[in-house]
Protein backbone atom coordinates (compact mmCIF):
# COMPACT_ATOMS: atom_id res chain seq x y z
CA MET A 1 113.35 104.92 -17.03
CA ALA A 2 109.98 105.02 -15.35
CA GLN A 3 108.00 108.26 -15.77
CA THR A 4 107.07 110.39 -12.74
CA ILE A 5 103.72 112.08 -12.70
CA GLN A 6 103.44 114.93 -10.18
CA ILE A 7 100.34 116.89 -9.21
CA LYS A 8 100.11 120.34 -7.87
CA ARG A 9 101.33 120.59 -4.28
CA SER A 10 102.14 123.08 -1.55
CA SER A 11 103.78 123.03 1.86
CA SER A 12 102.59 126.65 2.74
CA THR A 13 99.06 127.09 1.48
CA ALA A 14 96.27 125.13 2.94
CA THR A 15 93.79 125.18 -0.02
CA PRO A 16 94.56 125.96 -3.59
CA THR A 17 92.64 129.01 -4.96
CA SER A 18 91.90 127.46 -8.32
CA LEU A 19 92.32 124.20 -10.22
CA GLN A 20 91.26 123.17 -13.71
CA ASN A 21 88.39 120.70 -14.10
CA GLY A 22 89.71 117.23 -12.84
CA GLU A 23 93.07 118.70 -11.76
CA LEU A 24 94.57 117.29 -8.47
CA ALA A 25 96.45 119.13 -5.74
CA TYR A 26 97.79 118.23 -2.33
CA SER A 27 98.59 120.57 0.65
CA ALA A 28 101.14 119.48 3.31
CA THR A 29 99.79 122.27 5.43
CA SER A 30 96.11 121.15 5.71
CA ASN A 31 97.10 117.39 4.71
CA LYS A 32 94.26 117.40 2.28
CA LEU A 33 93.90 116.16 -1.32
CA PHE A 34 91.90 118.44 -3.63
CA ILE A 35 90.23 118.25 -7.11
CA GLY A 36 89.02 120.85 -9.51
CA ARG A 37 85.35 120.10 -9.65
CA PRO A 38 84.48 118.55 -13.06
CA GLY A 39 82.08 120.73 -14.79
CA GLY A 40 82.51 123.56 -12.25
CA GLY A 41 84.16 126.97 -12.54
CA THR A 42 87.87 127.73 -12.15
CA GLY A 43 87.38 128.34 -8.35
CA ASP A 44 85.41 125.30 -7.65
CA VAL A 45 87.85 123.18 -5.65
CA ASP A 46 86.69 120.17 -3.53
CA ALA A 47 88.52 118.30 -0.74
CA ILE A 48 88.36 114.57 -1.60
CA GLY A 49 90.81 113.03 0.88
CA GLY A 50 94.25 113.20 2.38
CA LYS A 51 96.12 112.17 5.48
CA LEU A 52 93.90 114.31 7.67
CA TYR A 53 90.97 112.01 7.02
CA VAL A 54 92.96 108.81 6.96
CA ASP A 55 94.35 109.55 10.41
CA MET A 56 90.74 109.98 11.69
CA LEU A 57 90.04 106.36 10.54
CA ASP A 58 93.43 104.96 11.66
CA HIS A 59 92.37 103.22 15.08
CA THR A 60 90.88 100.11 16.32
CA ALA A 61 87.29 99.60 14.97
CA GLY A 62 84.70 99.85 17.70
CA ASN A 63 86.88 101.89 20.05
CA LEU A 64 85.83 105.48 20.59
CA THR A 65 89.02 107.60 19.95
CA ALA A 66 89.54 111.41 20.57
CA SER A 67 89.65 113.62 17.36
CA SER A 68 88.70 110.63 15.17
CA ALA A 69 85.86 109.37 13.17
CA ILE A 70 83.56 106.83 14.74
CA VAL A 71 84.26 103.32 13.21
CA VAL A 72 81.99 100.38 14.38
CA ASP A 73 83.30 96.92 14.85
CA ALA A 74 82.23 93.72 13.25
CA ASN A 75 79.04 93.84 15.35
CA SER A 76 78.24 97.40 14.29
CA LYS A 77 79.10 98.59 17.86
CA VAL A 78 81.35 101.10 19.61
CA ASP A 79 82.61 100.50 23.11
CA ASN A 80 81.51 103.93 24.41
CA PHE A 81 79.64 107.01 23.38
CA LEU A 82 79.61 110.68 24.63
CA VAL A 83 76.80 113.11 23.72
CA ASP A 84 77.23 116.49 25.49
CA ASN A 85 76.84 115.62 29.19
CA LEU A 86 75.67 112.09 28.60
CA GLN A 87 77.79 109.01 28.43
CA PHE A 88 76.50 105.71 26.96
CA ASN A 89 78.66 102.79 28.11
CA GLY A 90 77.56 99.18 28.32
CA ASN A 91 74.13 98.91 29.95
CA ALA A 92 74.48 102.36 31.63
CA ILE A 93 73.56 105.98 30.76
CA ILE A 94 75.62 108.29 32.89
CA SER A 95 75.58 112.08 33.35
CA THR A 96 79.04 113.53 33.23
CA ASP A 97 77.75 116.83 34.59
CA THR A 98 78.40 117.07 38.29
CA ASN A 99 75.10 116.57 40.20
CA GLY A 100 73.44 116.71 36.79
CA ASP A 101 69.86 115.33 36.23
CA ILE A 102 69.03 113.01 33.26
CA THR A 103 65.77 114.15 31.68
CA ILE A 104 63.74 112.01 29.36
CA THR A 105 60.97 113.96 27.64
CA PRO A 106 58.87 112.48 24.77
CA ASP A 107 57.60 114.82 22.15
CA GLY A 108 53.91 115.98 22.11
CA THR A 109 51.61 113.31 23.29
CA GLY A 110 54.33 110.53 23.07
CA ASP A 111 54.57 108.21 26.02
CA LEU A 112 57.70 107.47 28.15
CA VAL A 113 57.94 103.70 27.85
CA LEU A 114 60.32 101.83 30.22
CA ASP A 115 60.45 98.00 29.93
CA GLY A 116 57.09 97.90 28.11
CA LEU A 117 55.23 100.09 30.60
CA ASN A 118 53.68 103.37 29.56
CA TRP A 119 54.32 106.04 32.26
CA PRO A 120 51.70 108.89 32.96
CA GLN A 121 52.20 112.04 30.91
CA ALA A 122 51.46 114.21 33.93
CA ASP A 123 52.08 114.24 37.69
CA GLY A 124 49.41 113.13 40.05
CA SER A 125 48.14 114.55 43.19
CA ALA A 126 49.96 114.33 46.54
CA ASN A 127 50.10 110.93 48.31
CA GLN A 128 48.65 109.17 45.17
CA TYR A 129 50.28 105.80 44.08
CA LEU A 130 51.11 104.29 40.76
CA LYS A 131 49.05 101.45 39.37
CA THR A 132 48.89 99.33 36.18
CA ASN A 133 45.82 98.43 34.11
CA GLY A 134 47.40 95.07 33.38
CA SER A 135 48.02 96.03 29.69
CA GLY A 136 51.16 98.07 30.15
CA GLN A 137 49.51 101.49 31.03
CA LEU A 138 50.51 103.09 34.35
CA SER A 139 48.38 105.74 36.00
CA TRP A 140 48.05 107.65 39.29
CA ASP A 141 45.33 106.65 41.75
CA THR A 142 44.32 107.58 45.31
CA VAL A 143 45.02 105.26 48.13
CA SER A 144 41.80 103.97 49.74
CA THR A 145 41.75 104.70 53.48
CA SER A 146 38.71 102.62 54.39
CA PHE A 147 36.72 99.50 53.50
CA THR A 148 33.37 97.98 54.39
CA LEU A 149 32.95 95.03 56.82
CA SER A 150 29.69 92.93 56.53
CA ASP A 151 28.18 89.93 58.34
CA GLY A 152 25.70 89.55 55.59
CA THR A 153 23.14 91.81 57.08
CA ALA A 154 24.80 94.72 58.93
CA THR A 155 27.76 96.77 57.50
CA ASP A 156 30.54 98.76 59.14
CA THR A 157 33.19 101.06 57.68
CA PHE A 158 36.76 100.31 58.84
CA ASN A 159 39.29 103.03 58.51
CA THR A 160 42.89 101.84 57.79
CA GLY A 161 45.24 102.67 60.61
CA GLY A 162 42.78 101.48 63.19
CA THR A 163 42.60 98.10 65.01
CA LEU A 164 40.32 95.37 63.70
CA THR A 165 39.19 93.07 66.48
CA PHE A 166 37.81 89.54 65.93
CA THR A 167 35.61 88.15 68.68
CA GLY A 168 34.58 84.55 68.90
CA GLY A 169 31.16 83.41 69.77
CA THR A 170 30.04 80.57 72.12
CA GLY A 171 32.61 77.78 72.02
CA VAL A 172 34.89 79.71 69.51
CA THR A 173 38.22 81.34 70.37
CA THR A 174 40.54 83.44 68.25
CA ALA A 175 44.30 84.01 68.12
CA VAL A 176 46.44 86.41 66.06
CA THR A 177 49.97 85.37 65.26
CA ASN A 178 52.29 86.53 62.41
CA ASP A 179 49.54 88.44 60.53
CA GLU A 180 47.11 85.44 60.76
CA VAL A 181 43.81 85.18 62.58
CA THR A 182 42.97 81.69 63.84
CA PHE A 183 39.50 80.60 64.89
CA SER A 184 39.25 77.44 67.11
CA ILE A 185 36.04 75.58 68.00
CA GLY A 186 36.12 74.72 71.72
CA GLN A 187 34.69 71.19 71.20
CA ASP A 188 34.40 68.39 68.74
CA VAL A 189 31.10 67.48 67.16
CA GLY A 190 30.72 63.76 67.78
CA THR A 191 27.38 62.15 66.79
CA THR A 192 26.07 59.25 64.93
CA ALA A 193 22.98 61.16 63.84
CA ASN A 194 22.68 63.53 60.86
CA VAL A 195 24.07 67.09 61.41
CA THR A 196 22.58 69.95 59.40
CA PHE A 197 24.87 72.99 58.67
CA ASN A 198 23.00 75.95 57.32
CA THR A 199 26.35 77.71 56.60
CA VAL A 200 29.82 76.59 57.59
CA THR A 201 32.50 79.20 57.23
CA ALA A 202 35.80 77.46 58.15
CA ASP A 203 38.15 74.82 56.97
CA LEU A 204 37.04 71.22 57.55
CA THR A 205 39.88 68.75 58.22
CA GLY A 206 39.08 65.15 58.92
CA ASP A 207 36.41 62.74 57.85
CA VAL A 208 32.64 63.39 57.82
CA THR A 209 30.52 60.11 58.06
CA GLY A 210 26.99 60.94 57.35
CA ASN A 211 25.06 63.52 55.38
CA VAL A 212 26.00 67.27 54.91
CA THR A 213 23.11 69.58 54.17
CA GLY A 214 23.98 73.12 53.50
CA ASN A 215 26.66 75.25 52.12
CA VAL A 216 30.37 74.85 53.05
CA THR A 217 32.66 77.91 52.59
CA GLY A 218 36.39 76.89 53.17
CA ASN A 219 38.84 74.10 52.42
CA VAL A 220 37.69 70.53 52.73
CA THR A 221 40.36 67.92 53.43
CA GLY A 222 39.28 64.36 54.20
CA ASN A 223 36.39 62.00 53.23
CA VAL A 224 32.67 62.84 53.02
CA THR A 225 30.88 59.58 53.18
CA GLY A 226 27.21 60.29 52.59
CA ASP A 227 25.23 62.72 50.58
CA LEU A 228 26.46 66.25 49.97
CA THR A 229 23.40 68.40 49.28
CA GLY A 230 24.55 71.98 48.92
CA ASP A 231 27.42 74.01 47.48
CA VAL A 232 31.12 73.76 48.39
CA THR A 233 32.97 77.04 47.73
CA SER A 234 36.66 76.56 48.32
CA THR A 235 38.88 79.62 49.21
CA GLY A 236 42.02 77.44 48.68
CA THR A 237 42.74 73.83 47.73
CA SER A 238 40.12 71.24 48.66
CA THR A 239 41.04 67.48 48.74
CA PHE A 240 38.24 65.03 48.56
CA ALA A 241 39.36 61.34 49.00
CA THR A 242 35.80 59.98 48.81
CA VAL A 243 32.70 62.09 48.14
CA ASP A 244 29.12 60.95 47.57
CA ILE A 245 27.56 64.01 45.73
CA ASN A 246 23.84 64.48 45.47
CA GLY A 247 22.92 67.41 43.42
CA GLY A 248 25.34 69.90 45.09
CA ALA A 249 27.96 72.21 43.69
CA ILE A 250 31.60 72.66 44.00
CA ASP A 251 32.85 76.23 43.58
CA GLY A 252 29.40 77.11 42.19
CA THR A 253 29.45 74.47 39.49
CA ALA A 254 26.37 72.24 39.29
CA ILE A 255 26.91 68.41 39.63
CA GLY A 256 24.79 66.56 37.25
CA ALA A 257 24.64 63.10 38.94
CA ALA A 258 25.65 61.31 42.17
CA SER A 259 29.15 59.82 42.27
CA ALA A 260 31.29 57.87 44.67
CA SER A 261 34.47 59.57 44.04
CA THR A 262 34.64 61.74 40.89
CA GLY A 263 31.27 63.36 40.21
CA ALA A 264 29.79 63.91 36.74
CA PHE A 265 30.03 67.58 35.83
CA THR A 266 27.50 68.87 33.40
CA THR A 267 29.49 72.06 33.24
CA LEU A 268 32.77 72.80 35.04
CA THR A 269 33.90 76.37 35.41
CA THR A 270 36.92 77.59 37.45
CA SER A 271 37.84 81.16 38.31
CA GLY A 272 41.41 80.31 39.08
CA ASP A 273 44.09 77.89 37.88
CA ALA A 274 43.24 74.26 37.05
CA THR A 275 45.99 71.55 37.10
CA VAL A 276 45.41 68.04 35.76
CA GLY A 277 47.72 65.51 37.31
CA GLY A 278 47.06 62.72 34.74
CA ASN A 279 46.19 62.59 31.04
CA LEU A 280 43.38 64.97 29.72
CA THR A 281 40.91 63.46 27.21
CA VAL A 282 38.30 65.74 25.59
CA ASN A 283 35.52 63.94 23.67
CA GLY A 284 33.65 66.88 22.59
CA THR A 285 33.28 68.29 18.99
CA VAL A 286 35.13 71.70 19.62
CA THR A 287 37.92 72.60 21.98
CA SER A 288 38.18 76.36 22.54
CA VAL A 289 41.07 78.06 24.33
CA ASN A 290 40.39 81.65 25.20
CA SER A 291 43.74 82.59 26.68
CA THR A 292 46.21 85.21 25.43
CA THR A 293 49.25 83.05 25.75
CA VAL A 294 49.43 79.29 25.08
CA GLU A 295 52.52 77.44 26.18
CA LEU A 296 53.12 73.84 25.02
CA GLY A 297 55.89 71.56 26.27
CA ASP A 298 55.76 69.45 23.09
CA ASN A 299 58.27 70.39 20.38
CA ILE A 300 56.30 68.72 17.64
CA ILE A 301 52.40 69.29 17.24
CA VAL A 302 50.77 66.35 15.36
CA LEU A 303 47.86 67.31 12.97
CA ASN A 304 45.49 64.80 11.53
CA SER A 305 46.37 62.37 14.40
CA GLY A 306 44.96 58.85 13.82
CA GLU A 307 45.46 58.70 9.99
CA THR A 308 46.53 55.10 9.20
CA GLY A 309 45.81 54.68 5.53
CA THR A 310 46.84 56.65 2.42
CA PRO A 311 46.73 60.42 3.30
CA SER A 312 44.17 62.42 1.41
CA ALA A 313 43.31 65.34 3.69
CA ASN A 314 45.30 68.61 3.57
CA ALA A 315 46.50 69.78 6.93
CA GLY A 316 47.94 73.12 8.15
CA ILE A 317 47.47 76.22 10.29
CA GLU A 318 44.65 78.82 9.56
CA ILE A 319 44.58 82.27 11.12
CA GLU A 320 41.20 83.93 11.69
CA ARG A 321 41.40 87.59 10.55
CA GLY A 322 37.83 88.87 11.31
CA THR A 323 36.35 90.75 8.40
CA SER A 324 39.52 90.12 6.21
CA ALA A 325 40.09 86.75 4.44
CA ASN A 326 41.67 84.03 6.62
CA VAL A 327 45.36 83.14 5.78
CA ILE A 328 46.59 79.57 5.76
CA MET A 329 49.90 77.59 5.57
CA ARG A 330 49.15 73.88 4.63
CA TRP A 331 50.51 70.62 3.39
CA ASN A 332 48.81 69.79 0.06
CA GLU A 333 48.40 65.82 -0.12
CA THR A 334 47.59 66.02 -3.80
CA THR A 335 50.74 67.69 -4.92
CA ASP A 336 53.06 66.77 -1.85
CA LYS A 337 54.10 70.38 -1.39
CA TRP A 338 53.95 73.10 1.25
CA GLU A 339 51.64 75.99 0.24
CA VAL A 340 50.55 79.38 1.54
CA THR A 341 47.71 81.70 0.75
CA GLN A 342 47.41 85.45 1.47
CA ASP A 343 43.88 85.84 0.31
CA GLY A 344 42.15 82.54 1.36
CA THR A 345 41.78 81.52 -2.47
CA SER A 346 45.13 81.54 -4.28
CA TYR A 347 47.80 79.14 -2.95
CA TYR A 348 51.50 79.35 -3.68
CA VAL A 349 54.30 76.79 -3.25
CA LEU A 350 56.79 77.59 -0.58
CA ILE A 351 60.32 77.97 -2.15
CA ASP A 352 63.53 76.43 -0.72
CA ALA A 353 66.87 75.31 -2.02
CA ASN A 354 65.59 72.03 -3.13
CA ASN A 355 62.79 73.11 -5.36
CA PHE A 356 63.99 76.62 -6.44
CA GLU A 357 64.95 75.59 -10.03
CA THR A 358 61.78 73.55 -10.44
CA GLU A 359 59.32 76.25 -9.30
CA ILE A 360 61.15 79.35 -10.60
CA THR A 361 61.76 78.95 -14.33
CA SER A 362 62.27 82.58 -15.16
CA LEU A 363 63.57 85.89 -13.54
CA ASP A 364 62.31 89.20 -14.95
CA GLY A 365 64.13 92.34 -14.01
CA GLY A 366 61.44 94.69 -15.17
CA THR A 367 61.58 98.02 -17.05
CA PHE A 368 62.01 101.63 -16.27
């Protein structure tokens, strides 16, 4: 006959007043399992389990259940969460207090950061606006109510809210439509002789046959057949089908020699975007990219391109660290192994499943 082992039990007392060290007891009143604390005194009784606690865990993992413990699901999540008057559900933070505010207050000098933007730590003045410094910091600033107009000699202050009037000169008319001011020249310039422009501030559309002497500010679309002596400063997109350039400049960049279509640039500098429609070949010694983000469409970058014989040069990626030693990840052509260095001097082989046993010959658990 099997033996029955019974522990102390009660259906009327919630907690035993005393238990021997290691002695167990169960109360049907409190639904708790108790033990006399090992090494403790006679009255040292600890609750270690029971139906009360099991019931708190007996629900679907990840579901918030009343009067129960929080049990996360396989993704370490719960479907809903309530904290005082706030409910966290899905992508929403909801106030359960009728007409209640939601206040977010960082501690001390801490910033409130929303979607990567640091909000001001204090309120601005009336009628100010919120601006960014381009590096994630927002601040208050005063709206400008005026700006300066200039014709190159005289100036005038224009107050916002007023009416700015454009008046054409001789042979020039103006029109305003859909927030756009259009200047029209009342007659064509048709001549077989040379025309000298001191300054042209307009868009040129069409072909110019002859020489252009002076500066052109605006967009040029068409052919310039002749010498361009002066500067072309484009406010948009300029398209040159054929240009003979003689020592002028495009967007402030000096042209080093005359050309029938392309122009030889000693130095080419752009203040905006540059798009190359064909292949780009750089024959210089050093190629420098001073941008903060570099995006490449290629999924494989080829280093040591052009190697055709037996490889001998190591290749890899080196990170410049200023006053600290540079770090490198490289392919060692002598050992045919990937290596890394954290001090610029000592190199260590990268470990994977294929070379673990070869490279790691011993494991030392250390001492204490």
